Amino acid sequence: MYGIDLSVQIENLMPALGLGFLLGVVYDAVRFLRLLLSEGKIFLFISDMLFVVFCAFSSFLLFLGVNNGNIRLYLILAEITGAVVYFSTAGIIVMALYRKTAYVIKKAFNVIFLPVIFLKKKFSVIIKKLYGKIYEILKKMKNKFKKPLKDANEMLYNNDD
């Protein structure tokens, strides 16, 4: 008989559903990091790529452990179903909490570091002026100490005389 018995398929289905649910939880954690550190498209791309690699590796380990490395469509569909169940139930509540938490953390960060940012802006103007003066002084010193290896009047390029 070709294939897997129905009882083995149902037995293999539960870990796949659990992994899909767990991958949904991990994706929500990645989304929380994006809410906190929204740095743009590069951060989004890198975080998504790392998540895809994590999903592929964890699915590979699931197929290896549960089904001796055989990839079956019902296991992939069970993973997707587990993720959909998470996102349509607990994921809604968790993301609402994550959004509120990220908002509070960003506000607290701004309140705590606002004086530091203000001082940084003031000191950066002073440092730029100082840097400009130091650069001019070093440029003058470089021109002052510039000395050719030979005197131009004593150089002999050919010996025709």
Foldseek 3Di string as FASTA:
>chain_A
DDDDDPVLVVVLLVVLLVLLLVLLVVVLVLVLVCLQCVPDDVSVVVSVVVSVVVSVVVVQVSCCVRVVRDDDPSSVVSSPVSNVVNCVPVVVVSNVVSNVVSVVVVVVCCVVCVVVVVVVVVVVVVVVVVVVVVVVVVVVVCVVPDDDPDDPVPDDDDDPD
